[in-house]
Amino acid sequence: LELELGELLQEFQDVVEELKAPSQSKPHAYQHVLQEAKCRTLQGDDSGVEDSDYSEASLGNSLNTSEEELHTAGVTLAPK
């Protein structure tokens, strides 16, 4: 059991080191992407998504509407 635990711990440490290594060797690799994003934000570019699209009320209403539509979708009135 201790051997398995030791192997798992070593594997975890190896993965952590692999994840650390790229960022330590190239700390500026994504700096230009970050700068471009900051510039777009400062210029007021519109993403096309409004905050209200993600509000809980909005999601709840759309869920309720969908549920109602599902319940009434199969109901048809027979002609007289």
PDB file of N, CA and C in Angstrom:
ATOM      1  N   LEU A   1       0.832  -1.195   0.000  1.00  0.00           N
ATOM      2  CA  LEU A   1       0.000   0.000   0.000  1.00  0.00           C
ATOM      3  C   LEU A   1       0.873   1.254   0.000  1.00  0.00           C
ATOM      4  N   GLU A   2       1.919   1.260   0.825  1.00  0.00           N
ATOM      5  CA  GLU A   2       2.812   2.419   0.868  1.00  0.00           C
ATOM      6  C   GLU A   2       3.517   2.618  -0.463  1.00  0.00           C
ATOM      7  N   LEU A   3       3.857   1.512  -1.117  1.00  0.00           N
ATOM      8  CA  LEU A   3       4.527   1.588  -2.414  1.00  0.00           C
ATOM      9  C   LEU A   3       3.600   2.230  -3.447  1.00  0.00           C
ATOM     10  N   GLU A   4       2.337   1.801  -3.478  1.00  0.00           N
ATOM     11  CA  GLU A   4       1.368   2.377  -4.412  1.00  0.00           C
ATOM     12  C   GLU A   4       1.153   3.856  -4.124  1.00  0.00           C
ATOM     13  N   LEU A   5       1.049   4.190  -2.854  1.00  0.00           N
ATOM     14  CA  LEU A   5       0.863   5.582  -2.462  1.00  0.00           C
ATOM     15  C   LEU A   5       2.059   6.423  -2.881  1.00  0.00           C
ATOM     16  N   GLY A   6       3.253   5.884  -2.696  1.00  0.00           N
ATOM     17  CA  GLY A   6       4.476   6.583  -3.090  1.00  0.00           C
ATOM     18  C   GLY A   6       4.528   6.804  -4.593  1.00  0.00           C
ATOM     19  N   GLU A   7       4.128   5.788  -5.356  1.00  0.00           N
ATOM     20  CA  GLU A   7       4.120   5.905  -6.816  1.00  0.00           C
ATOM     21  C   GLU A   7       3.105   6.957  -7.273  1.00  0.00           C
ATOM     22  N   LEU A   8       1.934   6.945  -6.657  1.00  0.00           N
ATOM     23  CA  LEU A   8       0.912   7.935  -7.002  1.00  0.00           C
ATOM     24  C   LEU A   8       1.374   9.346  -6.659  1.00  0.00           C
ATOM     25  N   LEU A   9       2.011   9.491  -5.513  1.00  0.00           N
ATOM     26  CA  LEU A   9       2.510  10.798  -5.111  1.00  0.00           C
ATOM     27  C   LEU A   9       3.585  11.283  -6.072  1.00  0.00           C
ATOM     28  N   GLN A  10       4.460  10.382  -6.482  1.00  0.00           N
ATOM     29  CA  GLN A  10       5.517  10.753  -7.426  1.00  0.00           C
ATOM     30  C   GLN A  10       4.916  11.153  -8.774  1.00  0.00           C
ATOM     31  N   GLU A  11       3.917  10.402  -9.218  1.00  0.00           N
ATOM     32  CA  GLU A  11       3.256  10.726 -10.485  1.00  0.00           C
ATOM     33  C   GLU A  11       2.589  12.099 -10.406  1.00  0.00           C
ATOM     34  N   PHE A  12       1.951  12.373  -9.275  1.00  0.00           N
ATOM     35  CA  PHE A  12       1.317  13.674  -9.074  1.00  0.00           C
ATOM     36  C   PHE A  12       2.355  14.791  -9.104  1.00  0.00           C
ATOM     37  N   GLN A  13       3.462  14.583  -8.434  1.00  0.00           N
ATOM     38  CA  GLN A  13       4.524  15.592  -8.412  1.00  0.00           C
ATOM     39  C   GLN A  13       5.093  15.816  -9.808  1.00  0.00           C
ATOM     40  N   ASP A  14       5.231  14.740 -10.583  1.00  0.00           N
ATOM     41  CA  ASP A  14       5.723  14.871 -11.960  1.00  0.00           C
ATOM     42  C   ASP A  14       4.769  15.715 -12.804  1.00  0.00           C
ATOM     43  N   VAL A  15       3.488  15.470 -12.651  1.00  0.00           N
ATOM     44  CA  VAL A  15       2.491  16.232 -13.409  1.00  0.00           C
ATOM     45  C   VAL A  15       2.529  17.701 -13.003  1.00  0.00           C
ATOM     46  N   VAL A  16       2.637  17.957 -11.708  1.00  0.00           N
ATOM     47  CA  VAL A  16       2.706  19.340 -11.230  1.00  0.00           C
ATOM     48  C   VAL A  16       3.926  20.029 -11.819  1.00  0.00           C
ATOM     49  N   GLU A  17       5.048  19.356 -11.861  1.00  0.00           N
ATOM     50  CA  GLU A  17       6.267  19.941 -12.431  1.00  0.00           C
ATOM     51  C   GLU A  17       6.100  20.219 -13.922  1.00  0.00           C
ATOM     52  N   GLU A  18       5.448  19.301 -14.636  1.00  0.00           N
ATOM     53  CA  GLU A  18       5.208  19.509 -16.070  1.00  0.00           C
ATOM     54  C   GLU A  18       4.324  20.727 -16.299  1.00  0.00           C
ATOM     55  N   LEU A  19       3.329  20.890 -15.444  1.00  0.00           N
ATOM     56  CA  LEU A  19       2.437  22.034 -15.589  1.00  0.00           C
ATOM     57  C   LEU A  19       3.140  23.341 -15.240  1.00  0.00           C
ATOM     58  N   LYS A  20       4.065  23.304 -14.308  1.00  0.00           N
ATOM     59  CA  LYS A  20       4.820  24.503 -13.928  1.00  0.00           C
ATOM     60  C   LYS A  20       5.839  24.875 -14.992  1.00  0.00           C
ATOM     61  N   ALA A  21       6.471  23.906 -15.588  1.00  0.00           N
ATOM     62  CA  ALA A  21       7.603  24.137 -16.488  1.00  0.00           C
ATOM     63  C   ALA A  21       7.294  25.097 -17.637  1.00  0.00           C
ATOM     64  N   PRO A  22       6.227  24.924 -18.405  1.00  0.00           N
ATOM     65  CA  PRO A  22       5.994  25.840 -19.529  1.00  0.00           C
ATOM     66  C   PRO A  22       5.820  27.289 -19.087  1.00  0.00           C
ATOM     67  N   SER A  23       5.115  27.506 -18.007  1.00  0.00           N
ATOM     68  CA  SER A  23       4.886  28.880 -17.570  1.00  0.00           C
ATOM     69  C   SER A  23       6.170  29.517 -17.053  1.00  0.00           C
ATOM     70  N   GLN A  24       7.066  28.716 -16.501  1.00  0.00           N
ATOM     71  CA  GLN A  24       8.324  29.268 -16.008  1.00  0.00           C
ATOM     72  C   GLN A  24       9.286  29.553 -17.146  1.00  0.00           C
ATOM     73  N   SER A  25       9.245  28.746 -18.185  1.00  0.00           N
ATOM     74  CA  SER A  25      10.178  28.947 -19.290  1.00  0.00           C
ATOM     75  C   SER A  25       9.729  30.068 -20.226  1.00  0.00           C
ATOM     76  N   LYS A  26       8.418  30.282 -20.345  1.00  0.00           N
ATOM     77  CA  LYS A  26       7.893  31.318 -21.243  1.00  0.00           C
ATOM     78  C   LYS A  26       6.808  32.127 -20.537  1.00  0.00           C
ATOM     79  N   PRO A  27       7.183  32.940 -19.573  1.00  0.00           N
ATOM     80  CA  PRO A  27       6.149  33.681 -18.847  1.00  0.00           C
ATOM     81  C   PRO A  27       5.431  34.711 -19.707  1.00  0.00           C
ATOM     82  N   HIS A  28       6.025  35.121 -20.815  1.00  0.00           N
ATOM     83  CA  HIS A  28       5.428  36.147 -21.668  1.00  0.00           C
ATOM     84  C   HIS A  28       4.706  35.566 -22.879  1.00  0.00           C
ATOM     85  N   ALA A  29       4.543  34.259 -22.937  1.00  0.00           N
ATOM     86  CA  ALA A  29       3.986  33.605 -24.124  1.00  0.00           C
ATOM     87  C   ALA A  29       2.601  34.141 -24.494  1.00  0.00           C
ATOM     88  N   TYR A  30       1.761  34.414 -23.520  1.00  0.00           N
ATOM     89  CA  TYR A  30       0.403  34.865 -23.815  1.00  0.00           C
ATOM     90  C   TYR A  30       0.196  36.336 -23.478  1.00  0.00           C
ATOM     91  N   GLN A  31       1.272  37.045 -23.259  1.00  0.00           N
ATOM     92  CA  GLN A  31       1.172  38.452 -22.895  1.00  0.00           C
ATOM     93  C   GLN A  31       0.468  39.269 -23.979  1.00  0.00           C
ATOM     94  N   HIS A  32       0.784  38.985 -25.266  1.00  0.00           N
ATOM     95  CA  HIS A  32       0.158  39.748 -26.351  1.00  0.00           C
ATOM     96  C   HIS A  32      -1.346  39.494 -26.425  1.00  0.00           C
ATOM     97  N   VAL A  33      -1.780  38.282 -26.130  1.00  0.00           N
ATOM     98  CA  VAL A  33      -3.207  37.961 -26.144  1.00  0.00           C
ATOM     99  C   VAL A  33      -3.917  38.736 -25.035  1.00  0.00           C
ATOM    100  N   LEU A  34      -3.284  38.783 -23.874  1.00  0.00           N
ATOM    101  CA  LEU A  34      -3.850  39.524 -22.758  1.00  0.00           C
ATOM    102  C   LEU A  34      -3.944  41.008 -23.079  1.00  0.00           C
ATOM    103  N   GLN A  35      -2.903  41.550 -23.681  1.00  0.00           N
ATOM    104  CA  GLN A  35      -2.901  42.967 -24.047  1.00  0.00           C
ATOM    105  C   GLN A  35      -4.007  43.284 -25.050  1.00  0.00           C
ATOM    106  N   GLU A  36      -4.182  42.428 -26.061  1.00  0.00           N
ATOM    107  CA  GLU A  36      -5.235  42.647 -27.053  1.00  0.00           C
ATOM    108  C   GLU A  36      -6.613  42.625 -26.404  1.00  0.00           C
ATOM    109  N   ALA A  37      -6.812  41.693 -25.478  1.00  0.00           N
ATOM    110  CA  ALA A  37      -8.098  41.607 -24.791  1.00  0.00           C
ATOM    111  C   ALA A  37      -8.351  42.860 -23.964  1.00  0.00           C
ATOM    112  N   LYS A  38      -7.317  43.340 -23.294  1.00  0.00           N
ATOM    113  CA  LYS A  38      -7.464  44.562 -22.499  1.00  0.00           C
ATOM    114  C   LYS A  38      -7.785  45.750 -23.394  1.00  0.00           C
ATOM    115  N   CYS A  39      -7.121  45.844 -24.535  1.00  0.00           N
ATOM    116  CA  CYS A  39      -7.368  46.954 -25.463  1.00  0.00           C
ATOM    117  C   CYS A  39      -8.801  46.926 -25.975  1.00  0.00           C
ATOM    118  N   ARG A  40      -9.297  45.751 -26.337  1.00  0.00           N
ATOM    119  CA  ARG A  40     -10.677  45.636 -26.821  1.00  0.00           C
ATOM    120  C   ARG A  40     -11.658  46.062 -25.743  1.00  0.00           C
ATOM    121  N   THR A  41     -11.375  45.677 -24.505  1.00  0.00           N
ATOM    122  CA  THR A  41     -12.253  46.039 -23.400  1.00  0.00           C
ATOM    123  C   THR A  41     -12.258  47.546 -23.201  1.00  0.00           C
ATOM    124  N   LEU A  42     -11.092  48.157 -23.267  1.00  0.00           N
ATOM    125  CA  LEU A  42     -10.996  49.601 -23.075  1.00  0.00           C
ATOM    126  C   LEU A  42     -11.654  50.364 -24.213  1.00  0.00           C
ATOM    127  N   GLN A  43     -11.618  49.811 -25.423  1.00  0.00           N
ATOM    128  CA  GLN A  43     -12.215  50.476 -26.577  1.00  0.00           C
ATOM    129  C   GLN A  43     -13.729  50.324 -26.591  1.00  0.00           C
ATOM    130  N   GLY A  44     -14.254  49.487 -25.723  1.00  0.00           N
ATOM    131  CA  GLY A  44     -15.702  49.336 -25.620  1.00  0.00           C
ATOM    132  C   GLY A  44     -16.290  48.428 -26.674  1.00  0.00           C
ATOM    133  N   ASP A  45     -15.523  47.475 -27.185  1.00  0.00           N
ATOM    134  CA  ASP A  45     -16.066  46.527 -28.152  1.00  0.00           C
ATOM    135  C   ASP A  45     -17.221  45.772 -27.519  1.00  0.00           C
ATOM    136  N   ASP A  46     -18.275  45.591 -28.289  1.00  0.00           N
ATOM    137  CA  ASP A  46     -19.451  44.893 -27.809  1.00  0.00           C
ATOM    138  C   ASP A  46     -19.346  43.432 -28.198  1.00  0.00           C
ATOM    139  N   SER A  47     -19.491  42.549 -27.221  1.00  0.00           N
ATOM    140  CA  SER A  47     -19.404  41.120 -27.496  1.00  0.00           C
ATOM    141  C   SER A  47     -20.683  40.594 -28.124  1.00  0.00           C
ATOM    142  N   GLY A  48     -21.766  41.375 -28.050  1.00  0.00           N
ATOM    143  CA  GLY A  48     -23.034  40.923 -28.600  1.00  0.00           C
ATOM    144  C   GLY A  48     -23.873  40.157 -27.600  1.00  0.00           C
ATOM    145  N   VAL A  49     -23.337  39.925 -26.418  1.00  0.00           N
ATOM    146  CA  VAL A  49     -24.059  39.203 -25.387  1.00  0.00           C
ATOM    147  C   VAL A  49     -24.392  40.182 -24.280  1.00  0.00           C
ATOM    148  N   GLU A  50     -25.662  40.263 -23.952  1.00  0.00           N
ATOM    149  CA  GLU A  50     -26.076  41.170 -22.889  1.00  0.00           C
ATOM    150  C   GLU A  50     -26.046  40.440 -21.559  1.00  0.00           C
ATOM    151  N   ASP A  51     -25.809  41.180 -20.502  1.00  0.00           N
ATOM    152  CA  ASP A  51     -25.777  40.586 -19.172  1.00  0.00           C
ATOM    153  C   ASP A  51     -27.093  39.909 -18.838  1.00  0.00           C
ATOM    154  N   SER A  52     -28.200  40.473 -19.300  1.00  0.00           N
ATOM    155  CA  SER A  52     -29.507  39.907 -18.977  1.00  0.00           C
ATOM    156  C   SER A  52     -29.689  38.518 -19.578  1.00  0.00           C
ATOM    157  N   ASP A  53     -28.913  38.189 -20.611  1.00  0.00           N
ATOM    158  CA  ASP A  53     -29.016  36.861 -21.215  1.00  0.00           C
ATOM    159  C   ASP A  53     -28.616  35.768 -20.238  1.00  0.00           C
ATOM    160  N   TYR A  54     -27.820  36.130 -19.237  1.00  0.00           N
ATOM    161  CA  TYR A  54     -27.311  35.139 -18.309  1.00  0.00           C
ATOM    162  C   TYR A  54     -27.928  35.253 -16.923  1.00  0.00           C
ATOM    163  N   SER A  55     -28.909  36.091 -16.759  1.00  0.00           N
ATOM    164  CA  SER A  55     -29.497  36.269 -15.436  1.00  0.00           C
ATOM    165  C   SER A  55     -30.319  35.041 -15.067  1.00  0.00           C
ATOM    166  N   GLU A  56     -30.441  34.813 -13.769  1.00  0.00           N
ATOM    167  CA  GLU A  56     -31.199  33.657 -13.302  1.00  0.00           C
ATOM    168  C   GLU A  56     -32.660  33.762 -13.705  1.00  0.00           C
ATOM    169  N   ALA A  57     -33.215  34.940 -13.622  1.00  0.00           N
ATOM    170  CA  ALA A  57     -34.624  35.116 -13.981  1.00  0.00           C
ATOM    171  C   ALA A  57     -34.838  34.766 -15.442  1.00  0.00           C
ATOM    172  N   SER A  58     -33.929  35.199 -16.279  1.00  0.00           N
ATOM    173  CA  SER A  58     -34.045  34.925 -17.703  1.00  0.00           C
ATOM    174  C   SER A  58     -33.979  33.428 -17.965  1.00  0.00           C
ATOM    175  N   LEU A  59     -33.024  32.754 -17.319  1.00  0.00           N
ATOM    176  CA  LEU A  59     -32.899  31.315 -17.522  1.00  0.00           C
ATOM    177  C   LEU A  59     -34.119  30.590 -16.971  1.00  0.00           C
ATOM    178  N   GLY A  60     -34.610  31.038 -15.824  1.00  0.00           N
ATOM    179  CA  GLY A  60     -35.786  30.410 -15.241  1.00  0.00           C
ATOM    180  C   GLY A  60     -36.997  30.572 -16.124  1.00  0.00           C
ATOM    181  N   ASN A  61     -37.199  31.771 -16.670  1.00  0.00           N
ATOM    182  CA  ASN A  61     -38.344  32.017 -17.534  1.00  0.00           C
ATOM    183  C   ASN A  61     -38.276  31.175 -18.789  1.00  0.00           C
ATOM    184  N   SER A  62     -37.100  31.065 -19.378  1.00  0.00           N
ATOM    185  CA  SER A  62     -36.992  30.279 -20.598  1.00  0.00           C
ATOM    186  C   SER A  62     -37.225  28.806 -20.305  1.00  0.00           C
ATOM    187  N   LEU A  63     -36.809  28.349 -19.125  1.00  0.00           N
ATOM    188  CA  LEU A  63     -37.068  26.962 -18.754  1.00  0.00           C
ATOM    189  C   LEU A  63     -38.561  26.735 -18.575  1.00  0.00           C
ATOM    190  N   ASN A  64     -39.218  27.645 -17.892  1.00  0.00           N
ATOM    191  CA  ASN A  64     -40.653  27.496 -17.669  1.00  0.00           C
ATOM    192  C   ASN A  64     -41.410  27.525 -18.982  1.00  0.00           C
ATOM    193  N   THR A  65     -41.035  28.419 -19.857  1.00  0.00           N
ATOM    194  CA  THR A  65     -41.691  28.512 -21.152  1.00  0.00           C
ATOM    195  C   THR A  65     -41.505  27.219 -21.926  1.00  0.00           C
ATOM    196  N   SER A  66     -40.291  26.712 -21.940  1.00  0.00           N
ATOM    197  CA  SER A  66     -40.017  25.476 -22.661  1.00  0.00           C
ATOM    198  C   SER A  66     -40.838  24.333 -22.094  1.00  0.00           C
ATOM    199  N   GLU A  67     -40.932  24.286 -20.772  1.00  0.00           N
ATOM    200  CA  GLU A  67     -41.684  23.221 -20.134  1.00  0.00           C
ATOM    201  C   GLU A  67     -43.162  23.314 -20.511  1.00  0.00           C
ATOM    202  N   GLU A  68     -43.713  24.521 -20.505  1.00  0.00           N
ATOM    203  CA  GLU A  68     -45.108  24.713 -20.880  1.00  0.00           C
ATOM    204  C   GLU A  68     -45.330  24.319 -22.330  1.00  0.00           C
ATOM    205  N   GLU A  69     -44.414  24.707 -23.193  1.00  0.00           N
ATOM    206  CA  GLU A  69     -44.550  24.360 -24.602  1.00  0.00           C
ATOM    207  C   GLU A  69     -44.508  22.851 -24.789  1.00  0.00           C
ATOM    208  N   LEU A  70     -43.662  22.171 -23.997  1.00  0.00           N
ATOM    209  CA  LEU A  70     -43.601  20.718 -24.088  1.00  0.00           C
ATOM    210  C   LEU A  70     -44.929  20.092 -23.683  1.00  0.00           C
ATOM    211  N   HIS A  71     -45.551  20.634 -22.636  1.00  0.00           N
ATOM    212  CA  HIS A  71     -46.804  20.065 -22.158  1.00  0.00           C
ATOM    213  C   HIS A  71     -47.948  20.317 -23.128  1.00  0.00           C
ATOM    214  N   THR A  72     -47.931  21.444 -23.820  1.00  0.00           N
ATOM    215  CA  THR A  72     -49.038  21.768 -24.716  1.00  0.00           C
ATOM    216  C   THR A  72     -48.765  21.373 -26.161  1.00  0.00           C
ATOM    217  N   ALA A  73     -47.546  20.980 -26.469  1.00  0.00           N
ATOM    218  CA  ALA A  73     -47.195  20.670 -27.854  1.00  0.00           C
ATOM    219  C   ALA A  73     -47.982  19.475 -28.386  1.00  0.00           C
ATOM    220  N   GLY A  74     -48.243  18.497 -27.544  1.00  0.00           N
ATOM    221  CA  GLY A  74     -48.943  17.301 -28.003  1.00  0.00           C
ATOM    222  C   GLY A  74     -50.451  17.432 -27.951  1.00  0.00           C
ATOM    223  N   VAL A  75     -50.954  18.525 -27.412  1.00  0.00           N
ATOM    224  CA  VAL A  75     -52.400  18.720 -27.284  1.00  0.00           C
ATOM    225  C   VAL A  75     -52.908  19.456 -28.512  1.00  0.00           C
ATOM    226  N   THR A  76     -53.771  18.797 -29.269  1.00  0.00           N
ATOM    227  CA  THR A  76     -54.369  19.455 -30.437  1.00  0.00           C
ATOM    228  C   THR A  76     -55.883  19.371 -30.308  1.00  0.00           C
ATOM    229  N   LEU A  77     -56.552  20.376 -30.773  1.00  0.00           N
ATOM    230  CA  LEU A  77     -58.008  20.383 -30.726  1.00  0.00           C
ATOM    231  C   LEU A  77     -58.556  19.706 -31.973  1.00  0.00           C
ATOM    232  N   ALA A  78     -59.476  18.806 -31.758  1.00  0.00           N
ATOM    233  CA  ALA A  78     -60.099  18.128 -32.892  1.00  0.00           C
ATOM    234  C   ALA A  78     -61.133  19.058 -33.508  1.00  0.00           C
ATOM    235  N   PRO A  79     -61.177  19.139 -34.833  1.00  0.00           N
ATOM    236  CA  PRO A  79     -62.172  20.011 -35.477  1.00  0.00           C
ATOM    237  C   PRO A  79     -63.584  19.500 -35.213  1.00  0.00           C
ATOM    238  N   LYS A  80     -64.550  20.427 -35.064  1.00  0.00           N
ATOM    239  CA  LYS A  80     -65.944  20.045 -34.754  1.00  0.00           C
ATOM    240  C   LYS A  80     -66.722  19.727 -35.998  1.00  0.00           C
TER     241      LYS A  80
END
